[in-house]
Amino acid sequence: MSKQEHINYLMGIGISDVDADTVYDCIATREVCTWTSVDAVPDDTEQKVNEYLKPYGLELKIIPVGASGRYIWEVKKTRA
């Protein structure tokens, strides 16, 4: 699957292009990634992205930062 196909799929889940691009970078490198975003996050995003990341041995946690409208995104390797 190409980078653009990954990004298009992730954007279809409802996340922004910037967040989708960063999630793709985590998939491509299989590394831990953490970033802050101000883009809206639909309620079921974490679950849907985790289903997508599972075959890559990665998992996502989205942490809202108070009432600031910011979110911390963390992609980590799953425990084996």
PDB file of N, CA and C in Angstrom:
ATOM      1  N   MET A   1       0.850  -1.165   0.000  1.00  0.00           N
ATOM      2  CA  MET A   1       0.000   0.000   0.000  1.00  0.00           C
ATOM      3  C   MET A   1       0.905   1.241   0.000  1.00  0.00           C
ATOM      4  N   SER A   2       0.592   2.206  -0.800  1.00  0.00           N
ATOM      5  CA  SER A   2       1.407   3.416  -0.898  1.00  0.00           C
ATOM      6  C   SER A   2       1.114   4.358   0.277  1.00  0.00           C
ATOM      7  N   LYS A   3       2.008   5.326   0.454  1.00  0.00           N
ATOM      8  CA  LYS A   3       1.818   6.327   1.504  1.00  0.00           C
ATOM      9  C   LYS A   3       0.475   7.029   1.322  1.00  0.00           C
ATOM     10  N   GLN A   4       0.168   7.432   0.097  1.00  0.00           N
ATOM     11  CA  GLN A   4      -1.076   8.164  -0.142  1.00  0.00           C
ATOM     12  C   GLN A   4      -2.302   7.305   0.135  1.00  0.00           C
ATOM     13  N   GLU A   5      -2.221   6.007  -0.149  1.00  0.00           N
ATOM     14  CA  GLU A   5      -3.342   5.108   0.150  1.00  0.00           C
ATOM     15  C   GLU A   5      -3.576   5.008   1.661  1.00  0.00           C
ATOM     16  N   HIS A   6      -2.475   4.921   2.433  1.00  0.00           N
ATOM     17  CA  HIS A   6      -2.602   4.907   3.891  1.00  0.00           C
ATOM     18  C   HIS A   6      -3.264   6.196   4.367  1.00  0.00           C
ATOM     19  N   ILE A   7      -2.755   7.325   3.891  1.00  0.00           N
ATOM     20  CA  ILE A   7      -3.267   8.628   4.321  1.00  0.00           C
ATOM     21  C   ILE A   7      -4.738   8.784   3.947  1.00  0.00           C
ATOM     22  N   ASN A   8      -5.093   8.388   2.726  1.00  0.00           N
ATOM     23  CA  ASN A   8      -6.493   8.481   2.300  1.00  0.00           C
ATOM     24  C   ASN A   8      -7.396   7.636   3.187  1.00  0.00           C
ATOM     25  N   TYR A   9      -6.963   6.429   3.538  1.00  0.00           N
ATOM     26  CA  TYR A   9      -7.756   5.568   4.400  1.00  0.00           C
ATOM     27  C   TYR A   9      -7.939   6.218   5.767  1.00  0.00           C
ATOM     28  N   LEU A  10      -6.842   6.712   6.340  1.00  0.00           N
ATOM     29  CA  LEU A  10      -6.904   7.331   7.660  1.00  0.00           C
ATOM     30  C   LEU A  10      -7.779   8.578   7.649  1.00  0.00           C
ATOM     31  N   MET A  11      -7.700   9.363   6.599  1.00  0.00           N
ATOM     32  CA  MET A  11      -8.566  10.534   6.490  1.00  0.00           C
ATOM     33  C   MET A  11     -10.024  10.107   6.350  1.00  0.00           C
ATOM     34  N   GLY A  12     -10.270   8.965   5.723  1.00  0.00           N
ATOM     35  CA  GLY A  12     -11.626   8.425   5.615  1.00  0.00           C
ATOM     36  C   GLY A  12     -12.211   8.056   6.969  1.00  0.00           C
ATOM     37  N   ILE A  13     -11.342   7.744   7.928  1.00  0.00           N
ATOM     38  CA  ILE A  13     -11.775   7.466   9.293  1.00  0.00           C
ATOM     39  C   ILE A  13     -12.263   8.750   9.953  1.00  0.00           C
ATOM     40  N   GLY A  14     -11.739   9.885   9.487  1.00  0.00           N
ATOM     41  CA  GLY A  14     -12.188  11.159  10.030  1.00  0.00           C
ATOM     42  C   GLY A  14     -11.094  12.011  10.646  1.00  0.00           C
ATOM     43  N   ILE A  15      -9.819  11.612  10.493  1.00  0.00           N
ATOM     44  CA  ILE A  15      -8.754  12.427  11.061  1.00  0.00           C
ATOM     45  C   ILE A  15      -8.191  13.372   9.997  1.00  0.00           C
ATOM     46  N   SER A  16      -7.531  14.413  10.452  1.00  0.00           N
ATOM     47  CA  SER A  16      -7.004  15.427   9.538  1.00  0.00           C
ATOM     48  C   SER A  16      -5.852  14.872   8.697  1.00  0.00           C
ATOM     49  N   ASP A  17      -5.543  15.571   7.615  1.00  0.00           N
ATOM     50  CA  ASP A  17      -4.436  15.150   6.756  1.00  0.00           C
ATOM     51  C   ASP A  17      -3.108  15.178   7.504  1.00  0.00           C
ATOM     52  N   VAL A  18      -2.916  16.155   8.371  1.00  0.00           N
ATOM     53  CA  VAL A  18      -1.668  16.257   9.134  1.00  0.00           C
ATOM     54  C   VAL A  18      -1.532  15.081  10.097  1.00  0.00           C
ATOM     55  N   ASP A  19      -2.602  14.755  10.822  1.00  0.00           N
ATOM     56  CA  ASP A  19      -2.555  13.615  11.739  1.00  0.00           C
ATOM     57  C   ASP A  19      -2.404  12.304  10.964  1.00  0.00           C
ATOM     58  N   ALA A  20      -3.083  12.178   9.842  1.00  0.00           N
ATOM     59  CA  ALA A  20      -2.959  10.968   9.020  1.00  0.00           C
ATOM     60  C   ALA A  20      -1.531  10.792   8.524  1.00  0.00           C
ATOM     61  N   ASP A  21      -0.900  11.880   8.112  1.00  0.00           N
ATOM     62  CA  ASP A  21       0.480  11.818   7.638  1.00  0.00           C
ATOM     63  C   ASP A  21       1.422  11.388   8.762  1.00  0.00           C
ATOM     64  N   THR A  22       1.181  11.874   9.959  1.00  0.00           N
ATOM     65  CA  THR A  22       2.029  11.504  11.092  1.00  0.00           C
ATOM     66  C   THR A  22       1.806  10.048  11.484  1.00  0.00           C
ATOM     67  N   VAL A  23       0.566   9.600  11.481  1.00  0.00           N
ATOM     68  CA  VAL A  23       0.292   8.183  11.760  1.00  0.00           C
ATOM     69  C   VAL A  23       0.995   7.317  10.716  1.00  0.00           C
ATOM     70  N   TYR A  24       0.959   7.732   9.457  1.00  0.00           N
ATOM     71  CA  TYR A  24       1.675   6.978   8.418  1.00  0.00           C
ATOM     72  C   TYR A  24       3.168   6.899   8.735  1.00  0.00           C
ATOM     73  N   ASP A  25       3.764   8.002   9.174  1.00  0.00           N
ATOM     74  CA  ASP A  25       5.189   7.989   9.522  1.00  0.00           C
ATOM     75  C   ASP A  25       5.478   6.952  10.598  1.00  0.00           C
ATOM     76  N   CYS A  26       4.566   6.805  11.560  1.00  0.00           N
ATOM     77  CA  CYS A  26       4.729   5.791  12.601  1.00  0.00           C
ATOM     78  C   CYS A  26       4.680   4.389  12.003  1.00  0.00           C
ATOM     79  N   ILE A  27       3.775   4.182  11.059  1.00  0.00           N
ATOM     80  CA  ILE A  27       3.666   2.884  10.389  1.00  0.00           C
ATOM     81  C   ILE A  27       4.946   2.597   9.609  1.00  0.00           C
ATOM     82  N   ALA A  28       5.417   3.586   8.856  1.00  0.00           N
ATOM     83  CA  ALA A  28       6.586   3.405   7.989  1.00  0.00           C
ATOM     84  C   ALA A  28       7.854   3.120   8.785  1.00  0.00           C
ATOM     85  N   THR A  29       7.996   3.777   9.934  1.00  0.00           N
ATOM     86  CA  THR A  29       9.216   3.611  10.726  1.00  0.00           C
ATOM     87  C   THR A  29       9.073   2.571  11.826  1.00  0.00           C
ATOM     88  N   ARG A  30       7.833   2.204  12.141  1.00  0.00           N
ATOM     89  CA  ARG A  30       7.536   1.280  13.251  1.00  0.00           C
ATOM     90  C   ARG A  30       8.160   1.793  14.550  1.00  0.00           C
ATOM     91  N   GLU A  31       8.135   3.104  14.711  1.00  0.00           N
ATOM     92  CA  GLU A  31       8.699   3.754  15.878  1.00  0.00           C
ATOM     93  C   GLU A  31       7.609   4.404  16.709  1.00  0.00           C
ATOM     94  N   VAL A  32       7.966   4.767  17.926  1.00  0.00           N
ATOM     95  CA  VAL A  32       7.080   5.505  18.812  1.00  0.00           C
ATOM     96  C   VAL A  32       6.978   6.935  18.299  1.00  0.00           C
ATOM     97  N   CYS A  33       5.776   7.454  18.237  1.00  0.00           N
ATOM     98  CA  CYS A  33       5.555   8.825  17.781  1.00  0.00           C
ATOM     99  C   CYS A  33       4.627   9.520  18.773  1.00  0.00           C
ATOM    100  N   THR A  34       4.928  10.768  19.079  1.00  0.00           N
ATOM    101  CA  THR A  34       4.072  11.580  19.940  1.00  0.00           C
ATOM    102  C   THR A  34       4.008  12.973  19.349  1.00  0.00           C
ATOM    103  N   TRP A  35       2.792  13.525  19.261  1.00  0.00           N
ATOM    104  CA  TRP A  35       2.626  14.877  18.750  1.00  0.00           C
ATOM    105  C   TRP A  35       1.363  15.488  19.334  1.00  0.00           C
ATOM    106  N   THR A  36       1.265  16.793  19.191  1.00  0.00           N
ATOM    107  CA  THR A  36       0.100  17.533  19.661  1.00  0.00           C
ATOM    108  C   THR A  36      -0.650  18.061  18.460  1.00  0.00           C
ATOM    109  N   SER A  37      -1.973  17.991  18.510  1.00  0.00           N
ATOM    110  CA  SER A  37      -2.815  18.443  17.410  1.00  0.00           C
ATOM    111  C   SER A  37      -3.977  19.269  17.957  1.00  0.00           C
ATOM    112  N   VAL A  38      -4.418  20.206  17.151  1.00  0.00           N
ATOM    113  CA  VAL A  38      -5.606  20.989  17.514  1.00  0.00           C
ATOM    114  C   VAL A  38      -6.790  20.608  16.632  1.00  0.00           C
ATOM    115  N   ASP A  39      -6.590  19.645  15.752  1.00  0.00           N
ATOM    116  CA  ASP A  39      -7.666  19.213  14.857  1.00  0.00           C
ATOM    117  C   ASP A  39      -8.684  18.367  15.612  1.00  0.00           C
ATOM    118  N   ALA A  40      -9.942  18.542  15.258  1.00  0.00           N
ATOM    119  CA  ALA A  40     -11.033  17.800  15.903  1.00  0.00           C
ATOM    120  C   ALA A  40     -10.821  16.294  15.765  1.00  0.00           C
ATOM    121  N   VAL A  41     -11.224  15.567  16.800  1.00  0.00           N
ATOM    122  CA  VAL A  41     -11.088  14.110  16.821  1.00  0.00           C
ATOM    123  C   VAL A  41     -12.469  13.506  17.060  1.00  0.00           C
ATOM    124  N   PRO A  42     -13.048  12.831  16.042  1.00  0.00           N
ATOM    125  CA  PRO A  42     -14.342  12.164  16.250  1.00  0.00           C
ATOM    126  C   PRO A  42     -14.256  11.133  17.385  1.00  0.00           C
ATOM    127  N   ASP A  43     -15.361  10.875  18.050  1.00  0.00           N
ATOM    128  CA  ASP A  43     -15.392  10.017  19.232  1.00  0.00           C
ATOM    129  C   ASP A  43     -14.780   8.636  19.028  1.00  0.00           C
ATOM    130  N   ASP A  44     -15.015   8.012  17.891  1.00  0.00           N
ATOM    131  CA  ASP A  44     -14.552   6.635  17.691  1.00  0.00           C
ATOM    132  C   ASP A  44     -13.212   6.544  16.961  1.00  0.00           C
ATOM    133  N   THR A  45     -12.501   7.641  16.854  1.00  0.00           N
ATOM    134  CA  THR A  45     -11.242   7.678  16.108  1.00  0.00           C
ATOM    135  C   THR A  45     -10.202   6.727  16.684  1.00  0.00           C
ATOM    136  N   GLU A  46      -9.997   6.792  17.979  1.00  0.00           N
ATOM    137  CA  GLU A  46      -8.959   5.971  18.601  1.00  0.00           C
ATOM    138  C   GLU A  46      -9.192   4.484  18.306  1.00  0.00           C
ATOM    139  N   GLN A  47     -10.419   4.034  18.454  1.00  0.00           N
ATOM    140  CA  GLN A  47     -10.739   2.622  18.203  1.00  0.00           C
ATOM    141  C   GLN A  47     -10.479   2.261  16.743  1.00  0.00           C
ATOM    142  N   LYS A  48     -10.938   3.087  15.817  1.00  0.00           N
ATOM    143  CA  LYS A  48     -10.775   2.788  14.393  1.00  0.00           C
ATOM    144  C   LYS A  48      -9.310   2.789  13.973  1.00  0.00           C
ATOM    145  N   VAL A  49      -8.554   3.759  14.454  1.00  0.00           N
ATOM    146  CA  VAL A  49      -7.134   3.810  14.103  1.00  0.00           C
ATOM    147  C   VAL A  49      -6.406   2.616  14.718  1.00  0.00           C
ATOM    148  N   ASN A  50      -6.768   2.233  15.938  1.00  0.00           N
ATOM    149  CA  ASN A  50      -6.129   1.070  16.560  1.00  0.00           C
ATOM    150  C   ASN A  50      -6.397  -0.217  15.773  1.00  0.00           C
ATOM    151  N   GLU A  51      -7.594  -0.362  15.245  1.00  0.00           N
ATOM    152  CA  GLU A  51      -7.883  -1.527  14.403  1.00  0.00           C
ATOM    153  C   GLU A  51      -6.977  -1.529  13.177  1.00  0.00           C
ATOM    154  N   TYR A  52      -6.755  -0.352  12.620  1.00  0.00           N
ATOM    155  CA  TYR A  52      -5.901  -0.218  11.440  1.00  0.00           C
ATOM    156  C   TYR A  52      -4.427  -0.466  11.778  1.00  0.00           C
ATOM    157  N   LEU A  53      -3.989  -0.044  12.960  1.00  0.00           N
ATOM    158  CA  LEU A  53      -2.585  -0.180  13.354  1.00  0.00           C
ATOM    159  C   LEU A  53      -2.213  -1.567  13.853  1.00  0.00           C
ATOM    160  N   LYS A  54      -3.192  -2.344  14.283  1.00  0.00           N
ATOM    161  CA  LYS A  54      -2.929  -3.652  14.895  1.00  0.00           C
ATOM    162  C   LYS A  54      -1.998  -4.540  14.060  1.00  0.00           C
ATOM    163  N   PRO A  55      -2.213  -4.693  12.756  1.00  0.00           N
ATOM    164  CA  PRO A  55      -1.313  -5.550  11.975  1.00  0.00           C
ATOM    165  C   PRO A  55       0.135  -5.045  11.918  1.00  0.00           C
ATOM    166  N   TYR A  56       0.343  -3.792  12.258  1.00  0.00           N
ATOM    167  CA  TYR A  56       1.684  -3.203  12.230  1.00  0.00           C
ATOM    168  C   TYR A  56       2.358  -3.258  13.603  1.00  0.00           C
ATOM    169  N   GLY A  57       1.685  -3.837  14.586  1.00  0.00           N
ATOM    170  CA  GLY A  57       2.246  -3.949  15.926  1.00  0.00           C
ATOM    171  C   GLY A  57       2.293  -2.625  16.663  1.00  0.00           C
ATOM    172  N   LEU A  58       1.338  -1.737  16.352  1.00  0.00           N
ATOM    173  CA  LEU A  58       1.286  -0.413  16.957  1.00  0.00           C
ATOM    174  C   LEU A  58      -0.080  -0.168  17.570  1.00  0.00           C
ATOM    175  N   GLU A  59      -0.121   0.745  18.540  1.00  0.00           N
ATOM    176  CA  GLU A  59      -1.391   1.146  19.134  1.00  0.00           C
ATOM    177  C   GLU A  59      -1.376   2.650  19.399  1.00  0.00           C
ATOM    178  N   LEU A  60      -2.554   3.251  19.354  1.00  0.00           N
ATOM    179  CA  LEU A  60      -2.722   4.691  19.497  1.00  0.00           C
ATOM    180  C   LEU A  60      -3.459   5.032  20.781  1.00  0.00           C
ATOM    181  N   LYS A  61      -3.035   6.115  21.410  1.00  0.00           N
ATOM    182  CA  LYS A  61      -3.739   6.693  22.542  1.00  0.00           C
ATOM    183  C   LYS A  61      -3.890   8.176  22.236  1.00  0.00           C
ATOM    184  N   ILE A  62      -5.126   8.700  22.310  1.00  0.00           N
ATOM    185  CA  ILE A  62      -5.390  10.122  22.101  1.00  0.00           C
ATOM    186  C   ILE A  62      -5.825  10.699  23.442  1.00  0.00           C
ATOM    187  N   ILE A  63      -5.083  11.705  23.901  1.00  0.00           N
ATOM    188  CA  ILE A  63      -5.331  12.285  25.218  1.00  0.00           C
ATOM    189  C   ILE A  63      -5.768  13.742  25.059  1.00  0.00           C
ATOM    190  N   PRO A  64      -7.015  14.068  25.417  1.00  0.00           N
ATOM    191  CA  PRO A  64      -7.443  15.472  25.366  1.00  0.00           C
ATOM    192  C   PRO A  64      -6.694  16.280  26.429  1.00  0.00           C
ATOM    193  N   VAL A  65      -6.328  17.498  26.083  1.00  0.00           N
ATOM    194  CA  VAL A  65      -5.601  18.371  27.013  1.00  0.00           C
ATOM    195  C   VAL A  65      -6.566  19.430  27.527  1.00  0.00           C
ATOM    196  N   GLY A  66      -7.231  19.122  28.617  1.00  0.00           N
ATOM    197  CA  GLY A  66      -8.172  20.044  29.242  1.00  0.00           C
ATOM    198  C   GLY A  66      -9.174  20.628  28.267  1.00  0.00           C
ATOM    199  N   ALA A  67      -9.483  21.891  28.446  1.00  0.00           N
ATOM    200  CA  ALA A  67     -10.448  22.574  27.588  1.00  0.00           C
ATOM    201  C   ALA A  67      -9.741  23.380  26.495  1.00  0.00           C
ATOM    202  N   SER A  68      -8.471  23.079  26.253  1.00  0.00           N
ATOM    203  CA  SER A  68      -7.682  23.853  25.302  1.00  0.00           C
ATOM    204  C   SER A  68      -7.992  23.530  23.845  1.00  0.00           C
ATOM    205  N   GLY A  69      -8.685  22.419  23.609  1.00  0.00           N
ATOM    206  CA  GLY A  69      -8.950  21.995  22.238  1.00  0.00           C
ATOM    207  C   GLY A  69      -7.765  21.281  21.608  1.00  0.00           C
ATOM    208  N   ARG A  70      -6.774  20.968  22.411  1.00  0.00           N
ATOM    209  CA  ARG A  70      -5.595  20.243  21.926  1.00  0.00           C
ATOM    210  C   ARG A  70      -5.697  18.769  22.330  1.00  0.00           C
ATOM    211  N   TYR A  71      -5.019  17.955  21.542  1.00  0.00           N
ATOM    212  CA  TYR A  71      -4.957  16.524  21.808  1.00  0.00           C
ATOM    213  C   TYR A  71      -3.516  16.069  21.692  1.00  0.00           C
ATOM    214  N   ILE A  72      -3.116  15.197  22.600  1.00  0.00           N
ATOM    215  CA  ILE A  72      -1.818  14.542  22.487  1.00  0.00           C
ATOM    216  C   ILE A  72      -2.064  13.183  21.864  1.00  0.00           C
ATOM    217  N   TRP A  73      -1.373  12.907  20.769  1.00  0.00           N
ATOM    218  CA  TRP A  73      -1.454  11.625  20.086  1.00  0.00           C
ATOM    219  C   TRP A  73      -0.182  10.854  20.397  1.00  0.00           C
ATOM    220  N   GLU A  74      -0.332   9.607  20.812  1.00  0.00           N
ATOM    221  CA  GLU A  74       0.814   8.745  21.102  1.00  0.00           C
ATOM    222  C   GLU A  74       0.626   7.418  20.362  1.00  0.00           C
ATOM    223  N   VAL A  75       1.574   7.089  19.530  1.00  0.00           N
ATOM    224  CA  VAL A  75       1.585   5.787  18.876  1.00  0.00           C
ATOM    225  C   VAL A  75       2.774   5.025  19.457  1.00  0.00           C
ATOM    226  N   LYS A  76       2.481   3.845  19.995  1.00  0.00           N
ATOM    227  CA  LYS A  76       3.501   3.031  20.620  1.00  0.00           C
ATOM    228  C   LYS A  76       3.454   1.614  20.055  1.00  0.00           C
ATOM    229  N   LYS A  77       4.520   0.891  20.256  1.00  0.00           N
ATOM    230  CA  LYS A  77       4.541  -0.517  19.882  1.00  0.00           C
ATOM    231  C   LYS A  77       3.688  -1.287  20.873  1.00  0.00           C
ATOM    232  N   THR A  78       2.949  -2.266  20.371  1.00  0.00           N
ATOM    233  CA  THR A  78       2.128  -3.082  21.262  1.00  0.00           C
ATOM    234  C   THR A  78       3.026  -4.043  22.028  1.00  0.00           C
ATOM    235  N   ARG A  79       2.543  -4.452  23.149  1.00  0.00           N
ATOM    236  CA  ARG A  79       3.297  -5.414  23.951  1.00  0.00           C
ATOM    237  C   ARG A  79       3.078  -6.796  23.370  1.00  0.00           C
ATOM    238  N   ALA A  80       4.147  -7.516  23.202  1.00  0.00           N
ATOM    239  CA  ALA A  80       4.058  -8.860  22.624  1.00  0.00           C
ATOM    240  C   ALA A  80       3.801  -9.895  23.681  1.00  0.00           C
TER     241      ALA A  80
END
